[in-house]
Amino acid sequence: MAKTANINVRIEPEVKQQAEDLFSSFGISVTDAISIFLHTSIMEGGFPFTIRQPRFNAETIAAMQEACDIMSGKIQAKSYKTTNELLQALNAED
């Protein structure tokens, strides 16, 4: 059967490039990868892999929240004038 249908997907340019790089290492295009995914989904009757929420420990969740707060401007990122100053701060956290 000839390929006659189009699917348009909007995605971040970095993600597109990473996918192109990955799939080209297998010798296929992103279009081929999407086709494989769709055919496998049809054969499996659903996603061909388990979909679940990632589970992070409390320390990781706190770090992700801190990163979001820094990016949104809620808190100011720490900065150091020298490497020694950074290392002293890191050692003090232990």
N, C-alpha and C. Protein backbone atom coordinates (compact mmCIF):
# COMPACT_ATOMS: atom_id res chain seq x y z
N MET A 1 0.85 -1.17 0.00
CA MET A 1 0.00 0.00 0.00
C MET A 1 0.90 1.25 0.00
N ALA A 2 0.59 2.19 -0.87
CA ALA A 2 1.40 3.40 -0.97
C ALA A 2 1.15 4.31 0.22
N LYS A 3 2.19 5.02 0.64
CA LYS A 3 2.04 5.99 1.72
C LYS A 3 1.41 7.25 1.15
N THR A 4 0.19 7.54 1.61
CA THR A 4 -0.52 8.70 1.07
C THR A 4 -1.02 9.65 2.14
N ALA A 5 -0.93 9.29 3.39
CA ALA A 5 -1.43 10.13 4.47
C ALA A 5 -0.27 10.85 5.14
N ASN A 6 -0.52 12.08 5.57
CA ASN A 6 0.49 12.86 6.28
C ASN A 6 0.09 13.06 7.72
N ILE A 7 1.08 13.10 8.59
CA ILE A 7 0.89 13.47 9.99
C ILE A 7 1.85 14.62 10.25
N ASN A 8 1.33 15.74 10.73
CA ASN A 8 2.17 16.89 11.07
C ASN A 8 2.32 16.96 12.57
N VAL A 9 3.55 17.10 13.03
CA VAL A 9 3.85 17.14 14.46
C VAL A 9 4.70 18.36 14.75
N ARG A 10 4.32 19.12 15.76
CA ARG A 10 5.14 20.25 16.21
C ARG A 10 5.93 19.80 17.43
N ILE A 11 7.23 20.02 17.36
CA ILE A 11 8.10 19.59 18.45
C ILE A 11 9.29 20.54 18.51
N GLU A 12 9.92 20.61 19.66
CA GLU A 12 11.06 21.48 19.84
C GLU A 12 12.18 21.08 18.88
N PRO A 13 12.86 22.08 18.28
CA PRO A 13 13.94 21.76 17.33
C PRO A 13 15.03 20.87 17.90
N GLU A 14 15.35 21.06 19.20
CA GLU A 14 16.41 20.24 19.81
C GLU A 14 15.98 18.77 19.88
N VAL A 15 14.72 18.54 20.21
CA VAL A 15 14.21 17.16 20.30
C VAL A 15 14.22 16.52 18.91
N LYS A 16 13.81 17.29 17.91
CA LYS A 16 13.81 16.78 16.53
C LYS A 16 15.23 16.39 16.12
N GLN A 17 16.19 17.25 16.40
CA GLN A 17 17.57 16.96 16.02
C GLN A 17 18.10 15.73 16.75
N GLN A 18 17.80 15.62 18.05
CA GLN A 18 18.25 14.46 18.82
C GLN A 18 17.64 13.17 18.26
N ALA A 19 16.35 13.23 17.89
CA ALA A 19 15.68 12.06 17.31
C ALA A 19 16.30 11.70 15.97
N GLU A 20 16.55 12.71 15.13
CA GLU A 20 17.18 12.46 13.83
C GLU A 20 18.55 11.81 14.01
N ASP A 21 19.32 12.33 14.95
CA ASP A 21 20.66 11.77 15.21
C ASP A 21 20.55 10.32 15.68
N LEU A 22 19.63 10.07 16.61
CA LEU A 22 19.46 8.72 17.15
C LEU A 22 19.05 7.74 16.05
N PHE A 23 17.98 8.08 15.33
CA PHE A 23 17.46 7.14 14.35
C PHE A 23 18.39 6.96 13.16
N SER A 24 19.14 8.01 12.81
CA SER A 24 20.10 7.85 11.70
C SER A 24 21.20 6.87 12.10
N SER A 25 21.50 6.77 13.40
CA SER A 25 22.50 5.80 13.84
C SER A 25 22.02 4.36 13.62
N PHE A 26 20.69 4.18 13.49
CA PHE A 26 20.11 2.88 13.17
C PHE A 26 19.88 2.72 11.68
N GLY A 27 20.18 3.79 10.93
CA GLY A 27 19.99 3.73 9.48
C GLY A 27 18.57 3.99 9.04
N ILE A 28 17.77 4.64 9.89
CA ILE A 28 16.39 4.95 9.53
C ILE A 28 16.11 6.42 9.78
N SER A 29 15.03 6.91 9.18
CA SER A 29 14.62 8.30 9.38
C SER A 29 13.62 8.39 10.52
N VAL A 30 13.33 9.62 10.93
CA VAL A 30 12.29 9.83 11.95
C VAL A 30 10.95 9.31 11.42
N THR A 31 10.69 9.54 10.14
CA THR A 31 9.45 9.04 9.53
C THR A 31 9.37 7.53 9.64
N ASP A 32 10.49 6.84 9.34
CA ASP A 32 10.51 5.37 9.48
C ASP A 32 10.26 4.96 10.92
N ALA A 33 10.87 5.67 11.88
CA ALA A 33 10.70 5.34 13.29
C ALA A 33 9.25 5.52 13.72
N ILE A 34 8.62 6.59 13.27
CA ILE A 34 7.21 6.82 13.61
C ILE A 34 6.35 5.73 12.99
N SER A 35 6.64 5.34 11.77
CA SER A 35 5.88 4.27 11.11
C SER A 35 6.03 2.96 11.88
N ILE A 36 7.26 2.66 12.31
CA ILE A 36 7.49 1.44 13.10
C ILE A 36 6.68 1.51 14.39
N PHE A 37 6.72 2.66 15.06
CA PHE A 37 5.96 2.83 16.30
C PHE A 37 4.47 2.59 16.07
N LEU A 38 3.92 3.19 15.01
CA LEU A 38 2.48 3.05 14.75
C LEU A 38 2.12 1.61 14.40
N HIS A 39 2.91 0.95 13.56
CA HIS A 39 2.62 -0.44 13.21
C HIS A 39 2.72 -1.36 14.43
N THR A 40 3.72 -1.14 15.25
CA THR A 40 3.89 -1.95 16.46
C THR A 40 2.73 -1.71 17.43
N SER A 41 2.30 -0.46 17.56
CA SER A 41 1.16 -0.14 18.43
C SER A 41 -0.09 -0.87 17.97
N ILE A 42 -0.30 -0.89 16.66
CA ILE A 42 -1.48 -1.59 16.11
C ILE A 42 -1.39 -3.07 16.39
N MET A 43 -0.20 -3.66 16.20
CA MET A 43 -0.04 -5.10 16.47
C MET A 43 -0.23 -5.43 17.94
N GLU A 44 0.25 -4.54 18.83
CA GLU A 44 0.16 -4.78 20.27
C GLU A 44 -1.21 -4.42 20.82
N GLY A 45 -1.95 -3.62 20.10
CA GLY A 45 -3.24 -3.16 20.60
C GLY A 45 -3.10 -2.05 21.62
N GLY A 46 -2.03 -1.31 21.55
CA GLY A 46 -1.76 -0.22 22.48
C GLY A 46 -0.31 0.19 22.37
N PHE A 47 0.15 0.90 23.34
CA PHE A 47 1.55 1.30 23.33
C PHE A 47 2.44 0.06 23.39
N PRO A 48 3.52 0.05 22.62
CA PRO A 48 4.40 -1.12 22.66
C PRO A 48 5.41 -1.08 23.80
N PHE A 49 5.10 -0.31 24.82
CA PHE A 49 5.95 -0.22 26.01
C PHE A 49 5.07 0.24 27.16
N THR A 50 5.54 0.06 28.36
CA THR A 50 4.79 0.45 29.54
C THR A 50 4.91 1.95 29.76
N ILE A 51 3.79 2.60 29.97
CA ILE A 51 3.79 4.03 30.25
C ILE A 51 3.49 4.20 31.73
N ARG A 52 4.37 4.92 32.41
CA ARG A 52 4.16 5.15 33.83
C ARG A 52 4.81 6.47 34.23
N GLN A 53 4.39 6.98 35.33
CA GLN A 53 4.94 8.21 35.86
C GLN A 53 6.33 7.94 36.42
N PRO A 54 7.28 8.83 36.15
CA PRO A 54 8.60 8.63 36.76
C PRO A 54 8.50 8.81 38.27
N ARG A 55 9.27 8.06 38.99
CA ARG A 55 9.30 8.17 40.44
C ARG A 55 10.64 8.72 40.86
N PHE A 56 10.59 9.83 41.57
CA PHE A 56 11.81 10.47 42.03
C PHE A 56 11.82 10.50 43.54
N ASN A 57 13.00 10.44 44.13
CA ASN A 57 13.09 10.54 45.58
C ASN A 57 12.93 12.00 45.99
N ALA A 58 12.77 12.24 47.26
CA ALA A 58 12.50 13.59 47.78
C ALA A 58 13.61 14.56 47.44
N GLU A 59 14.85 14.11 47.47
CA GLU A 59 15.98 15.00 47.16
C GLU A 59 15.92 15.45 45.70
N THR A 60 15.60 14.54 44.80
CA THR A 60 15.50 14.88 43.38
C THR A 60 14.34 15.83 43.13
N ILE A 61 13.20 15.58 43.77
CA ILE A 61 12.05 16.46 43.62
C ILE A 61 12.38 17.86 44.11
N ALA A 62 13.07 17.96 45.24
CA ALA A 62 13.46 19.26 45.77
C ALA A 62 14.42 19.98 44.82
N ALA A 63 15.35 19.24 44.23
CA ALA A 63 16.30 19.84 43.29
C ALA A 63 15.59 20.33 42.04
N MET A 64 14.62 19.56 41.54
CA MET A 64 13.86 19.98 40.37
C MET A 64 13.03 21.23 40.68
N GLN A 65 12.45 21.28 41.86
CA GLN A 65 11.68 22.46 42.25
C GLN A 65 12.58 23.68 42.37
N GLU A 66 13.76 23.50 42.95
CA GLU A 66 14.72 24.60 43.06
C GLU A 66 15.11 25.12 41.68
N ALA A 67 15.34 24.20 40.74
CA ALA A 67 15.69 24.61 39.38
C ALA A 67 14.56 25.40 38.74
N CYS A 68 13.33 24.95 38.93
CA CYS A 68 12.17 25.68 38.40
C CYS A 68 12.06 27.06 39.02
N ASP A 69 12.29 27.15 40.34
CA ASP A 69 12.23 28.43 41.04
C ASP A 69 13.31 29.38 40.56
N ILE A 70 14.49 28.87 40.27
CA ILE A 70 15.59 29.70 39.74
C ILE A 70 15.22 30.20 38.35
N MET A 71 14.71 29.30 37.51
CA MET A 71 14.36 29.69 36.15
C MET A 71 13.23 30.70 36.11
N SER A 72 12.30 30.62 37.04
CA SER A 72 11.17 31.54 37.06
C SER A 72 11.50 32.85 37.77
N GLY A 73 12.65 32.90 38.41
CA GLY A 73 13.06 34.11 39.11
C GLY A 73 12.57 34.20 40.54
N LYS A 74 11.95 33.15 41.06
CA LYS A 74 11.46 33.16 42.45
C LYS A 74 12.61 33.19 43.44
N ILE A 75 13.69 32.53 43.09
CA ILE A 75 14.89 32.57 43.94
C ILE A 75 16.09 32.86 43.05
N GLN A 76 17.13 33.43 43.64
CA GLN A 76 18.33 33.76 42.89
C GLN A 76 19.31 32.59 42.97
N ALA A 77 19.92 32.29 41.84
CA ALA A 77 20.91 31.21 41.82
C ALA A 77 22.14 31.63 42.61
N LYS A 78 22.75 30.67 43.28
CA LYS A 78 23.99 30.95 43.99
C LYS A 78 25.11 31.17 42.97
N SER A 79 26.02 32.04 43.31
CA SER A 79 27.18 32.25 42.45
C SER A 79 28.43 32.36 43.32
N TYR A 80 29.56 32.04 42.73
CA TYR A 80 30.82 32.03 43.46
C TYR A 80 31.87 32.74 42.64
N LYS A 81 32.78 33.44 43.32
CA LYS A 81 33.83 34.19 42.63
C LYS A 81 35.01 33.30 42.27
N THR A 82 35.24 32.26 43.05
CA THR A 82 36.38 31.39 42.79
C THR A 82 35.95 29.93 42.95
N THR A 83 36.76 29.06 42.40
CA THR A 83 36.51 27.63 42.55
C THR A 83 36.63 27.23 44.02
N ASN A 84 37.59 27.80 44.72
CA ASN A 84 37.76 27.48 46.14
C ASN A 84 36.52 27.86 46.94
N GLU A 85 35.94 29.01 46.62
CA GLU A 85 34.71 29.44 47.31
C GLU A 85 33.59 28.44 47.06
N LEU A 86 33.46 27.95 45.83
CA LEU A 86 32.46 26.94 45.50
C LEU A 86 32.72 25.66 46.28
N LEU A 87 33.96 25.20 46.29
CA LEU A 87 34.30 23.97 46.99
C LEU A 87 34.05 24.08 48.49
N GLN A 88 34.35 25.24 49.08
CA GLN A 88 34.09 25.44 50.51
C GLN A 88 32.59 25.35 50.79
N ALA A 89 31.78 25.94 49.92
CA ALA A 89 30.33 25.89 50.10
C ALA A 89 29.81 24.46 49.97
N LEU A 90 30.35 23.73 49.02
CA LEU A 90 29.93 22.33 48.84
C LEU A 90 30.32 21.48 50.05
N ASN A 91 31.53 21.68 50.55
CA ASN A 91 31.99 20.93 51.72
C ASN A 91 31.19 21.28 52.97
N ALA A 92 30.75 22.53 53.07
CA ALA A 92 29.96 22.98 54.23
C ALA A 92 28.58 22.33 54.25
N GLU A 93 28.08 21.92 53.06
CA GLU A 93 26.75 21.29 52.98
C GLU A 93 26.76 19.88 53.53
N ASP A 94 27.92 19.26 53.61
CA ASP A 94 28.01 17.88 54.11
C ASP A 94 27.81 17.88 55.56
